[in-house]
């Protein structure tokens, strides 16, 4: 019974490790998301520390293993947040919906600010240029971040006026026809 209780108490701490991955998988993290992560994760971290040191004090091997596993899960999660892995996974899971949207004729103008959900992303801006479609999925305070569906590769010529913001973007290839972009000021 003790073992079950310990694992049930460790589970919320593991789940909290998924929060930074979800936030970063949108492409960026802004001030409000940081405050939200602090508000949620700080109490969990204090509880984890209290239980971990209590388990060390009573030398319970079953409990010690469960609480140490939380540290491993958090270390891996925080390590992944500095890579493109979370955004690549989110793009891969959203690719059918994003591609369907890119290949359809949407009645919205090429560049708009009416946010809509496409796949797992909340898309705030869309730029079209030929077959290339850029989805502005997240924005930091002054930056725009998102994914690009470019089946013919990224364009080499300057983009037309409605997509000229993308000329200032930094691109990272995710996989196949998918790229990550960030427009910074």
C-alpha atoms as a PDB file:
ATOM      1  CA  UNK A   1       0.000   0.000   0.000  1.00  0.00           C
ATOM      2  CA  UNK A   2       2.850   2.369   0.825  1.00  0.00           C
ATOM      3  CA  UNK A   3       4.344   1.836  -2.626  1.00  0.00           C
ATOM      4  CA  UNK A   4       1.033   2.653  -4.369  1.00  0.00           C
ATOM      5  CA  UNK A   5       0.610   5.866  -2.357  1.00  0.00           C
ATOM      6  CA  UNK A   6       4.124   7.001  -3.181  1.00  0.00           C
ATOM      7  CA  UNK A   7       3.664   6.407  -6.922  1.00  0.00           C
ATOM      8  CA  UNK A   8       0.281   8.157  -6.863  1.00  0.00           C
ATOM      9  CA  UNK A   9       1.897  11.176  -5.201  1.00  0.00           C
ATOM     10  CA  UNK A  10       4.773  11.194  -7.702  1.00  0.00           C
ATOM     11  CA  UNK A  11       2.466  11.126 -10.752  1.00  0.00           C
ATOM     12  CA  UNK A  12       1.389  14.811 -10.538  1.00  0.00           C
ATOM     13  CA  UNK A  13       5.035  15.847 -10.412  1.00  0.00           C
ATOM     14  CA  UNK A  14       5.690  13.835 -13.600  1.00  0.00           C
ATOM     15  CA  UNK A  15       2.680  15.436 -15.280  1.00  0.00           C
ATOM     16  CA  UNK A  16       3.903  18.904 -14.318  1.00  0.00           C
ATOM     17  CA  UNK A  17       7.081  18.117 -16.264  1.00  0.00           C
ATOM     18  CA  UNK A  18       4.940  17.993 -19.412  1.00  0.00           C
ATOM     19  CA  UNK A  19       3.842  21.626 -18.997  1.00  0.00           C
ATOM     20  CA  UNK A  20       7.127  23.217 -20.130  1.00  0.00           C
ATOM     21  CA  UNK A  21       7.219  20.814 -23.081  1.00  0.00           C
ATOM     22  CA  UNK A  22       3.704  21.817 -24.152  1.00  0.00           C
ATOM     23  CA  UNK A  23       4.459  25.530 -23.800  1.00  0.00           C
ATOM     24  CA  UNK A  24       7.712  25.309 -25.770  1.00  0.00           C
ATOM     25  CA  UNK A  25       6.153  23.103 -28.466  1.00  0.00           C
ATOM     26  CA  UNK A  26       4.204  26.149 -29.656  1.00  0.00           C
ATOM     27  CA  UNK A  27       7.468  27.690 -30.682  1.00  0.00           C
ATOM     28  CA  UNK A  28       7.981  30.348 -28.037  1.00  0.00           C
ATOM     29  CA  UNK A  29       7.370  31.134 -24.423  1.00  0.00           C
ATOM     30  CA  UNK A  30       6.142  34.515 -23.261  1.00  0.00           C
ATOM     31  CA  UNK A  31       5.967  36.258 -19.889  1.00  0.00           C
ATOM     32  CA  UNK A  32       2.459  35.066 -19.001  1.00  0.00           C
ATOM     33  CA  UNK A  33       3.372  31.450 -19.768  1.00  0.00           C
ATOM     34  CA  UNK A  34       6.460  31.746 -17.569  1.00  0.00           C
ATOM     35  CA  UNK A  35       4.343  33.125 -14.709  1.00  0.00           C
ATOM     36  CA  UNK A  36       1.811  30.328 -15.214  1.00  0.00           C
ATOM     37  CA  UNK A  37       4.542  27.689 -15.126  1.00  0.00           C
ATOM     38  CA  UNK A  38       5.961  29.198 -11.949  1.00  0.00           C
ATOM     39  CA  UNK A  39       2.512  29.327 -10.325  1.00  0.00           C
ATOM     40  CA  UNK A  40       1.795  25.672 -11.116  1.00  0.00           C
ATOM     41  CA  UNK A  41       5.234  24.129 -10.757  1.00  0.00           C
ATOM     42  CA  UNK A  42       6.493  25.893  -7.627  1.00  0.00           C
ATOM     43  CA  UNK A  43       3.983  24.266  -5.224  1.00  0.00           C
ATOM     44  CA  UNK A  44       4.598  20.886  -6.866  1.00  0.00           C
ATOM     45  CA  UNK A  45       8.365  21.372  -6.475  1.00  0.00           C
ATOM     46  CA  UNK A  46       8.007  22.242  -2.784  1.00  0.00           C
ATOM     47  CA  UNK A  47       5.833  19.185  -2.193  1.00  0.00           C
ATOM     48  CA  UNK A  48       8.283  17.032  -4.099  1.00  0.00           C
ATOM     49  CA  UNK A  49      11.191  18.305  -1.961  1.00  0.00           C
ATOM     50  CA  UNK A  50       9.264  17.754   1.269  1.00  0.00           C
ATOM     51  CA  UNK A  51       8.308  14.190   0.362  1.00  0.00           C
ATOM     52  CA  UNK A  52      11.735  13.401  -1.047  1.00  0.00           C
ATOM     53  CA  UNK A  53      13.546  14.477   2.117  1.00  0.00           C
ATOM     54  CA  UNK A  54      10.945  12.742   4.274  1.00  0.00           C
ATOM     55  CA  UNK A  55      11.612   9.529   2.339  1.00  0.00           C
ATOM     56  CA  UNK A  56      15.343   9.973   2.851  1.00  0.00           C
ATOM     57  CA  UNK A  57      14.800  10.501   6.588  1.00  0.00           C
ATOM     58  CA  UNK A  58      12.851   7.257   7.020  1.00  0.00           C
ATOM     59  CA  UNK A  59      15.085   5.456   4.515  1.00  0.00           C
ATOM     60  CA  UNK A  60      12.188   4.023   2.560  1.00  0.00           C
ATOM     61  CA  UNK A  61      13.699   2.521  -0.594  1.00  0.00           C
ATOM     62  CA  UNK A  62      10.341   2.194  -2.376  1.00  0.00           C
ATOM     63  CA  UNK A  63       9.534   5.844  -1.803  1.00  0.00           C
ATOM     64  CA  UNK A  64      13.048   7.048  -2.581  1.00  0.00           C
ATOM     65  CA  UNK A  65      12.976   5.465  -6.052  1.00  0.00           C
ATOM     66  CA  UNK A  66       9.650   7.057  -6.950  1.00  0.00           C
ATOM     67  CA  UNK A  67      10.721  10.517  -5.860  1.00  0.00           C
ATOM     68  CA  UNK A  68      14.116  10.221  -7.533  1.00  0.00           C
ATOM     69  CA  UNK A  69      12.347   9.265 -10.778  1.00  0.00           C
ATOM     70  CA  UNK A  70      10.588  12.651 -10.688  1.00  0.00           C
ATOM     71  CA  UNK A  71      13.989  14.343 -10.800  1.00  0.00           C
ATOM     72  CA  UNK A  72      14.951  12.235 -13.828  1.00  0.00           C
ATOM     73  CA  UNK A  73      11.677  13.044 -15.640  1.00  0.00           C
ATOM     74  CA  UNK A  74      12.089  16.782 -14.956  1.00  0.00           C
ATOM     75  CA  UNK A  75      15.732  16.752 -16.088  1.00  0.00           C
ATOM     76  CA  UNK A  76      14.796  15.082 -19.386  1.00  0.00           C
ATOM     77  CA  UNK A  77      11.812  17.437 -19.899  1.00  0.00           C
ATOM     78  CA  UNK A  78      13.856  20.572 -19.243  1.00  0.00           C
ATOM     79  CA  UNK A  79      16.617  19.254 -21.495  1.00  0.00           C
ATOM     80  CA  UNK A  80      14.120  18.762 -24.324  1.00  0.00           C
ATOM     81  CA  UNK A  81      12.781  22.314 -23.986  1.00  0.00           C
ATOM     82  CA  UNK A  82      16.007  23.757 -25.408  1.00  0.00           C
ATOM     83  CA  UNK A  83      15.705  21.616 -28.561  1.00  0.00           C
ATOM     84  CA  UNK A  84      13.217  21.616 -31.446  1.00  0.00           C
ATOM     85  CA  UNK A  85      11.921  18.177 -30.419  1.00  0.00           C
ATOM     86  CA  UNK A  86       8.678  19.426 -28.745  1.00  0.00           C
ATOM     87  CA  UNK A  87       7.759  21.603 -31.730  1.00  0.00           C
ATOM     88  CA  UNK A  88       8.692  18.856 -34.193  1.00  0.00           C
ATOM     89  CA  UNK A  89       6.423  16.393 -32.393  1.00  0.00           C
ATOM     90  CA  UNK A  90       3.560  18.892 -32.230  1.00  0.00           C
ATOM     91  CA  UNK A  91       4.010  19.704 -35.927  1.00  0.00           C
ATOM     92  CA  UNK A  92       4.105  16.001 -36.811  1.00  0.00           C
ATOM     93  CA  UNK A  93       0.844  15.401 -34.918  1.00  0.00           C
ATOM     94  CA  UNK A  94      -0.762  18.472 -36.528  1.00  0.00           C
ATOM     95  CA  UNK A  95       0.645  17.949 -40.034  1.00  0.00           C
ATOM     96  CA  UNK A  96      -2.499  16.433 -41.612  1.00  0.00           C
ATOM     97  CA  UNK A  97      -4.690  19.355 -40.454  1.00  0.00           C
ATOM     98  CA  UNK A  98      -2.101  22.010 -41.330  1.00  0.00           C
ATOM     99  CA  UNK A  99      -1.489  20.457 -44.754  1.00  0.00           C
ATOM    100  CA  UNK A 100      -5.232  20.185 -45.443  1.00  0.00           C
ATOM    101  CA  UNK A 101      -5.594  23.880 -44.595  1.00  0.00           C
ATOM    102  CA  UNK A 102      -2.558  24.821 -46.719  1.00  0.00           C
ATOM    103  CA  UNK A 103      -3.899  22.975 -49.752  1.00  0.00           C
ATOM    104  CA  UNK A 104      -7.449  24.324 -49.438  1.00  0.00           C
ATOM    105  CA  UNK A 105      -8.803  27.672 -50.539  1.00  0.00           C
ATOM    106  CA  UNK A 106      -9.530  29.459 -47.281  1.00  0.00           C
ATOM    107  CA  UNK A 107     -11.904  32.412 -47.612  1.00  0.00           C
ATOM    108  CA  UNK A 108      -9.769  34.424 -45.172  1.00  0.00           C
ATOM    109  CA  UNK A 109      -7.289  36.910 -46.614  1.00  0.00           C
ATOM    110  CA  UNK A 110      -3.671  35.701 -46.987  1.00  0.00           C
ATOM    111  CA  UNK A 111      -2.632  37.480 -43.784  1.00  0.00           C
ATOM    112  CA  UNK A 112      -5.079  37.742 -40.907  1.00  0.00           C
ATOM    113  CA  UNK A 113      -5.170  37.986 -37.140  1.00  0.00           C
ATOM    114  CA  UNK A 114      -8.359  36.057 -36.309  1.00  0.00           C
ATOM    115  CA  UNK A 115      -6.936  33.217 -34.256  1.00  0.00           C
ATOM    116  CA  UNK A 116      -8.139  29.734 -35.119  1.00  0.00           C
ATOM    117  CA  UNK A 117      -7.199  26.241 -34.033  1.00  0.00           C
ATOM    118  CA  UNK A 118      -5.598  24.070 -36.695  1.00  0.00           C
ATOM    119  CA  UNK A 119      -4.443  20.713 -35.397  1.00  0.00           C
ATOM    120  CA  UNK A 120      -2.743  21.230 -32.041  1.00  0.00           C
ATOM    121  CA  UNK A 121      -1.770  24.826 -32.856  1.00  0.00           C
ATOM    122  CA  UNK A 122      -3.559  28.094 -32.237  1.00  0.00           C
ATOM    123  CA  UNK A 123      -2.804  29.914 -35.471  1.00  0.00           C
ATOM    124  CA  UNK A 124      -2.796  33.696 -35.209  1.00  0.00           C
ATOM    125  CA  UNK A 125      -1.431  34.647 -38.648  1.00  0.00           C
ATOM    126  CA  UNK A 126      -1.207  32.981 -42.034  1.00  0.00           C
ATOM    127  CA  UNK A 127       0.987  33.970 -44.961  1.00  0.00           C
ATOM    128  CA  UNK A 128       0.625  32.387 -48.411  1.00  0.00           C
ATOM    129  CA  UNK A 129       3.149  32.527 -51.221  1.00  0.00           C
ATOM    130  CA  UNK A 130       2.631  30.026 -54.015  1.00  0.00           C
ATOM    131  CA  UNK A 131       2.423  26.597 -52.396  1.00  0.00           C
ATOM    132  CA  UNK A 132       4.256  27.789 -49.272  1.00  0.00           C
ATOM    133  CA  UNK A 133       2.048  28.571 -46.284  1.00  0.00           C
ATOM    134  CA  UNK A 134       3.411  30.007 -43.034  1.00  0.00           C
ATOM    135  CA  UNK A 135       1.393  29.629 -39.835  1.00  0.00           C
ATOM    136  CA  UNK A 136       2.134  32.117 -37.038  1.00  0.00           C
ATOM    137  CA  UNK A 137       1.473  29.824 -34.093  1.00  0.00           C
ATOM    138  CA  UNK A 138       2.849  31.714 -31.162  1.00  0.00           C
ATOM    139  CA  UNK A 139       4.255  35.053 -30.321  1.00  0.00           C
ATOM    140  CA  UNK A 140       6.610  36.266 -27.695  1.00  0.00           C
ATOM    141  CA  UNK A 141       6.394  39.843 -26.585  1.00  0.00           C
ATOM    142  CA  UNK A 142       7.770  41.282 -29.849  1.00  0.00           C
ATOM    143  CA  UNK A 143       8.452  38.170 -31.940  1.00  0.00           C
ATOM    144  CA  UNK A 144       6.325  35.863 -34.084  1.00  0.00           C
ATOM    145  CA  UNK A 145       7.051  32.137 -34.166  1.00  0.00           C
ATOM    146  CA  UNK A 146       5.464  29.390 -36.196  1.00  0.00           C
ATOM    147  CA  UNK A 147       5.711  26.609 -38.746  1.00  0.00           C
ATOM    148  CA  UNK A 148       5.936  26.714 -42.508  1.00  0.00           C
ATOM    149  CA  UNK A 149       4.607  24.146 -44.923  1.00  0.00           C
ATOM    150  CA  UNK A 150       6.851  24.449 -47.983  1.00  0.00           C
ATOM    151  CA  UNK A 151       6.542  21.397 -50.254  1.00  0.00           C
ATOM    152  CA  UNK A 152       8.810  23.064 -52.857  1.00  0.00           C
ATOM    153  CA  UNK A 153      11.323  24.286 -50.265  1.00  0.00           C
ATOM    154  CA  UNK A 154      11.754  27.788 -48.933  1.00  0.00           C
ATOM    155  CA  UNK A 155      11.632  30.545 -51.565  1.00  0.00           C
ATOM    156  CA  UNK A 156      14.927  32.144 -52.501  1.00  0.00           C
ATOM    157  CA  UNK A 157      13.511  35.300 -54.109  1.00  0.00           C
ATOM    158  CA  UNK A 158      12.142  38.152 -51.991  1.00  0.00           C
ATOM    159  CA  UNK A 159       8.560  37.571 -50.912  1.00  0.00           C
ATOM    160  CA  UNK A 160       5.638  39.748 -52.001  1.00  0.00           C
ATOM    161  CA  UNK A 161       4.416  42.557 -49.740  1.00  0.00           C
ATOM    162  CA  UNK A 162       1.754  40.488 -47.934  1.00  0.00           C
ATOM    163  CA  UNK A 163       4.455  38.042 -46.805  1.00  0.00           C
ATOM    164  CA  UNK A 164       7.460  40.365 -46.539  1.00  0.00           C
ATOM    165  CA  UNK A 165       7.592  39.911 -42.750  1.00  0.00           C
ATOM    166  CA  UNK A 166       8.951  36.425 -43.463  1.00  0.00           C
ATOM    167  CA  UNK A 167      12.005  37.913 -45.197  1.00  0.00           C
ATOM    168  CA  UNK A 168      13.334  38.811 -41.714  1.00  0.00           C
ATOM    169  CA  UNK A 169      12.683  35.339 -40.312  1.00  0.00           C
ATOM    170  CA  UNK A 170      15.203  32.797 -39.087  1.00  0.00           C
ATOM    171  CA  UNK A 171      14.356  29.293 -40.337  1.00  0.00           C
ATOM    172  CA  UNK A 172      15.041  25.851 -38.920  1.00  0.00           C
ATOM    173  CA  UNK A 173      14.201  22.698 -40.845  1.00  0.00           C
ATOM    174  CA  UNK A 174      12.025  20.361 -38.747  1.00  0.00           C
ATOM    175  CA  UNK A 175      11.407  17.462 -41.160  1.00  0.00           C
ATOM    176  CA  UNK A 176      10.111  16.887 -44.700  1.00  0.00           C
ATOM    177  CA  UNK A 177       8.362  20.031 -45.985  1.00  0.00           C
ATOM    178  CA  UNK A 178       8.070  21.547 -42.479  1.00  0.00           C
ATOM    179  CA  UNK A 179      10.144  24.424 -41.120  1.00  0.00           C
ATOM    180  CA  UNK A 180      10.121  26.462 -37.938  1.00  0.00           C
ATOM    181  CA  UNK A 181      10.449  30.223 -38.272  1.00  0.00           C
ATOM    182  CA  UNK A 182      10.997  33.098 -35.879  1.00  0.00           C
ATOM    183  CA  UNK A 183      10.579  36.748 -36.788  1.00  0.00           C
ATOM    184  CA  UNK A 184      12.380  38.922 -34.282  1.00  0.00           C
ATOM    185  CA  UNK A 185      12.680  42.656 -34.049  1.00  0.00           C
END
